[in-house]
Amino acid sequence: MYFNNPTRKELITVIHNNVEQMRENVAKLRENRWSENLRGTHTMLLDEDEIKAVKENYPNASIYPAEKDSYLYYKPYIYVTEHERELKLKEGQYTESLNSVLN
């Protein structure tokens, strides 16, 4: 098996405290070869378990309350984006890891 131009993609999820911070962070990420936001939306609605996990793992993250009579924000939510970038690999590095998956 032979592969041309071996690359691997790196994916990150970023939680933002507000829209302004999200715009600034995305601009900084773009400067460092990260893609635009891959998610179709910039907010993520949270269930009770997810709220608990965000509070435990990201204590400084802003969780916005549900908005009464709102079609979009009927649950608590956070601002979140996902980004990817390609990593150029050394000769043979990709094929070794891929072959271990295929075999």
Protein backbone atom coordinates (compact mmCIF):
# COMPACT_ATOMS: atom_id res chain seq x y z
CA MET A 1 0.00 0.00 0.00
CA TYR A 2 1.35 3.48 -0.90
CA PHE A 3 0.13 6.91 0.16
CA ASN A 4 0.95 10.24 -1.44
CA ASN A 5 1.26 13.41 0.62
CA PRO A 6 0.54 11.90 4.05
CA THR A 7 -1.48 14.21 6.30
CA ARG A 8 -3.52 13.87 9.44
CA LYS A 9 -6.22 16.20 10.73
CA GLU A 10 -6.25 17.64 14.21
CA LEU A 11 -9.63 18.66 15.67
CA ILE A 12 -10.34 20.97 18.61
CA THR A 13 -13.52 22.16 20.31
CA VAL A 14 -13.42 25.65 21.84
CA ILE A 15 -15.88 27.02 24.40
CA HIS A 16 -16.29 30.81 24.32
CA ASN A 17 -17.79 33.06 26.99
CA ASN A 18 -19.62 35.39 24.58
CA VAL A 19 -19.98 36.29 20.91
CA GLU A 20 -17.22 38.92 20.96
CA GLN A 21 -14.73 36.51 22.50
CA MET A 22 -15.75 33.86 19.97
CA ARG A 23 -15.00 36.21 17.06
CA GLU A 24 -11.61 37.12 18.53
CA ASN A 25 -10.70 33.50 19.23
CA VAL A 26 -11.70 32.32 15.75
CA ALA A 27 -9.56 35.09 14.20
CA LYS A 28 -6.57 33.98 16.30
CA LEU A 29 -7.15 30.34 15.34
CA ARG A 30 -7.32 31.27 11.64
CA GLU A 31 -3.93 33.00 11.98
CA ASN A 32 -2.54 29.67 13.23
CA ARG A 33 -3.81 27.59 10.28
CA TRP A 34 -7.02 26.38 11.95
CA SER A 35 -10.20 26.19 9.85
CA GLU A 36 -13.32 28.27 10.25
CA ASN A 37 -16.00 26.85 12.56
CA LEU A 38 -17.04 23.36 11.40
CA ARG A 39 -20.27 23.31 13.39
CA GLY A 40 -23.43 24.50 11.70
CA THR A 41 -24.26 26.63 14.71
CA HIS A 42 -22.29 28.59 17.31
CA THR A 43 -24.34 27.54 20.32
CA MET A 44 -24.81 24.20 22.02
CA LEU A 45 -27.91 23.47 24.06
CA LEU A 46 -27.20 21.68 27.33
CA ASP A 47 -29.05 19.03 29.32
CA GLU A 48 -28.63 18.81 33.11
CA ASP A 49 -25.78 16.28 32.85
CA GLU A 50 -23.98 18.41 30.28
CA ILE A 51 -24.34 21.52 32.45
CA LYS A 52 -22.77 19.64 35.35
CA ALA A 53 -19.90 18.41 33.12
CA VAL A 54 -19.21 21.91 31.75
CA LYS A 55 -19.20 23.39 35.27
CA GLU A 56 -16.83 20.69 36.52
CA ASN A 57 -14.44 20.67 33.55
CA TYR A 58 -14.60 24.33 32.50
CA PRO A 59 -15.44 26.32 35.66
CA ASN A 60 -14.84 29.70 33.97
CA ALA A 61 -17.13 28.98 31.00
CA SER A 62 -20.27 31.10 30.73
CA ILE A 63 -23.49 29.06 30.64
CA TYR A 64 -26.43 31.11 29.45
CA PRO A 65 -29.89 30.39 30.87
CA ALA A 66 -32.80 29.23 28.75
CA GLU A 67 -34.78 32.09 27.27
CA LYS A 68 -38.49 32.13 27.93
CA ASP A 69 -40.59 31.79 24.75
CA SER A 70 -37.48 31.24 22.62
CA TYR A 71 -37.55 28.66 19.86
CA LEU A 72 -33.74 28.49 19.64
CA TYR A 73 -32.67 28.81 23.27
CA TYR A 74 -35.27 26.80 25.14
CA LYS A 75 -32.46 25.15 27.19
CA PRO A 76 -29.34 26.57 28.81
CA TYR A 77 -26.56 27.00 26.25
CA ILE A 78 -22.89 27.80 25.64
CA TYR A 79 -21.00 29.28 22.71
CA VAL A 80 -18.82 26.62 21.09
CA THR A 81 -16.90 26.17 17.85
CA GLU A 82 -14.96 23.30 16.29
CA HIS A 83 -11.86 23.70 14.14
CA GLU A 84 -9.48 21.46 12.27
CA ARG A 85 -6.08 21.74 10.64
CA GLU A 86 -3.93 19.40 8.63
CA LEU A 87 -0.68 18.12 10.05
CA LYS A 88 2.06 17.23 7.62
CA LEU A 89 3.66 13.97 8.70
CA LYS A 90 7.14 12.63 8.24
CA GLU A 91 7.79 10.01 5.59
CA GLY A 92 6.39 6.66 6.72
CA GLN A 93 4.70 8.00 9.87
CA TYR A 94 1.18 7.89 8.44
CA THR A 95 1.54 4.54 6.73
CA GLU A 96 2.78 2.86 9.92
CA SER A 97 -0.20 4.04 11.96
CA LEU A 98 -2.67 3.33 9.16
CA ASN A 99 -1.25 -0.13 8.57
CA SER A 100 -1.67 -0.93 12.28
CA VAL A 101 -5.36 -0.01 11.97
CA LEU A 102 -5.87 -1.99 8.77
CA ASN A 103 -4.13 -5.15 10.02
